[in-house]
Amino acid sequence: MTALQTLELTPVDACCTPSTVDTLAAEEAQQRAAFLKALADPNRLRLLSIVKAGQGGEACVCDLTEPLGLGQPTVSHHLKILVDAGFLTREKRGTWAYYSLVPGALEQAAGLITSL
């Protein structure tokens, strides 16, 4: 008799009891991932930090390129991602755009992680 022949096979259903706890649905996981993905870049995290530390909790786009050492198109791309994800708001004043944090957005991101 070989080692394989001596194993007792049990039905898959008998190995454990299915969980009755609600789990994250696929669509909800996709939405959360998209929201959190906006944070998954060091430049975007720095942008959030700069805006949060700005006078009055806002920063002009003209003040965001130099600290990052990036060109204006790249900074604008990162800002668009943060606005689209709901972390920043944009207000046009004359020729400049000012960005500020959406109230509660960072807390919402933290809540998405801790509520899994």
Protein backbone atom coordinates (compact mmCIF):
# COMPACT_ATOMS: atom_id res chain seq x y z
CA MET A 1 0.00 0.00 0.00
CA THR A 2 1.41 3.44 -0.94
CA ALA A 3 1.30 6.57 1.17
CA LEU A 4 -1.45 7.97 -1.00
CA GLN A 5 -3.63 4.94 -0.47
CA THR A 6 -3.47 5.24 3.30
CA LEU A 7 -4.86 8.78 3.40
CA GLU A 8 -8.46 9.13 4.38
CA LEU A 9 -10.24 11.68 2.24
CA THR A 10 -13.03 13.73 3.76
CA PRO A 11 -15.57 15.77 1.85
CA VAL A 12 -14.63 19.43 1.41
CA ASP A 13 -17.80 20.52 3.17
CA ALA A 14 -16.78 18.69 6.33
CA CYS A 15 -13.51 20.57 6.83
CA CYS A 16 -14.98 23.75 8.30
CA THR A 17 -18.11 25.72 8.89
CA PRO A 18 -18.68 28.65 6.53
CA SER A 19 -18.44 32.07 8.12
CA THR A 20 -21.68 33.87 8.81
CA VAL A 21 -19.94 37.22 9.26
CA ASP A 22 -20.56 39.80 6.54
CA THR A 23 -17.53 40.25 4.33
CA LEU A 24 -16.51 42.96 1.93
CA ALA A 25 -18.37 42.67 -1.38
CA ALA A 26 -16.33 42.80 -4.59
CA GLU A 27 -17.79 46.16 -5.68
CA GLU A 28 -17.13 47.74 -2.28
CA ALA A 29 -13.57 46.39 -2.32
CA GLN A 30 -13.06 47.93 -5.77
CA GLN A 31 -14.30 51.34 -4.57
CA ARG A 32 -12.13 51.25 -1.47
CA ALA A 33 -9.08 50.20 -3.47
CA ALA A 34 -9.56 53.08 -5.92
CA PHE A 35 -9.85 55.54 -3.02
CA LEU A 36 -6.76 54.17 -1.29
CA LYS A 37 -4.80 53.86 -4.54
CA ALA A 38 -4.75 57.65 -4.73
CA LEU A 39 -2.62 57.58 -1.58
CA ALA A 40 -0.24 54.94 -2.94
CA ASP A 41 2.28 57.44 -4.27
CA PRO A 42 4.91 59.31 -2.25
CA ASN A 43 4.40 62.53 -4.23
CA ARG A 44 0.66 62.52 -3.57
CA LEU A 45 1.23 61.93 0.13
CA ARG A 46 3.64 64.87 0.17
CA LEU A 47 1.09 67.03 -1.67
CA LEU A 48 -1.53 66.24 0.96
CA SER A 49 0.97 67.10 3.67
CA ILE A 50 1.91 70.41 2.03
CA VAL A 51 -1.73 71.41 1.51
CA LYS A 52 -2.66 70.44 5.06
CA ALA A 53 0.25 72.49 6.47
CA GLY A 54 -0.53 75.48 4.26
CA GLN A 55 -1.83 78.75 5.63
CA GLY A 56 -5.53 78.30 6.20
CA GLY A 57 -5.25 74.63 5.24
CA GLU A 58 -4.83 75.41 1.57
CA ALA A 59 -2.06 75.86 -0.98
CA CYS A 60 -1.75 77.55 -4.35
CA VAL A 61 -0.67 75.32 -7.19
CA CYS A 62 2.18 77.76 -7.76
CA ASP A 63 3.62 76.72 -4.38
CA LEU A 64 3.48 72.98 -4.98
CA THR A 65 5.99 72.34 -7.76
CA GLU A 66 9.17 73.53 -6.04
CA PRO A 67 8.91 71.45 -2.83
CA LEU A 68 8.41 68.27 -4.85
CA GLY A 69 11.04 69.04 -7.46
CA LEU A 70 8.56 68.04 -10.17
CA GLY A 71 7.31 69.84 -13.23
CA GLN A 72 3.96 71.58 -13.28
CA PRO A 73 2.29 68.97 -15.54
CA THR A 74 3.30 66.14 -13.20
CA VAL A 75 2.10 68.02 -10.12
CA SER A 76 -1.18 68.82 -11.88
CA HIS A 77 -1.62 65.13 -12.72
CA HIS A 78 -1.15 64.13 -9.06
CA LEU A 79 -3.51 66.89 -7.90
CA LYS A 80 -6.19 65.72 -10.34
CA ILE A 81 -5.96 62.19 -8.94
CA LEU A 82 -6.34 63.52 -5.39
CA VAL A 83 -9.30 65.71 -6.39
CA ASP A 84 -11.01 62.87 -8.29
CA ALA A 85 -10.52 60.53 -5.31
CA GLY A 86 -12.13 63.06 -2.98
CA PHE A 87 -9.10 64.08 -0.91
CA LEU A 88 -8.73 67.64 -2.22
CA THR A 89 -10.99 70.38 -3.51
CA ARG A 90 -9.91 72.91 -6.12
CA GLU A 91 -10.91 76.56 -6.22
CA LYS A 92 -9.94 78.82 -9.12
CA ARG A 93 -8.95 82.37 -8.12
CA GLY A 94 -7.93 84.45 -11.09
CA THR A 95 -5.21 82.55 -12.93
CA TRP A 96 -4.28 80.34 -9.97
CA ALA A 97 -5.89 77.26 -8.49
CA TYR A 98 -5.96 76.73 -4.73
CA TYR A 99 -6.28 73.30 -3.18
CA SER A 100 -7.59 72.34 0.24
CA LEU A 101 -8.32 69.08 2.02
CA VAL A 102 -11.85 67.75 1.92
CA PRO A 103 -12.99 67.69 5.56
CA GLY A 104 -12.91 64.13 6.89
CA ALA A 105 -11.24 62.59 3.81
CA LEU A 106 -8.12 61.43 5.64
CA GLU A 107 -10.20 60.05 8.50
CA GLN A 108 -12.37 58.23 5.95
CA ALA A 109 -9.25 56.62 4.44
CA ALA A 110 -8.13 55.47 7.88
CA GLY A 111 -11.62 54.12 8.55
CA LEU A 112 -11.59 52.07 5.36
CA ILE A 113 -8.52 50.23 6.56
CA THR A 114 -9.64 49.67 10.13
CA SER A 115 -13.16 48.55 9.16
CA LEU A 116 -12.06 45.46 7.26
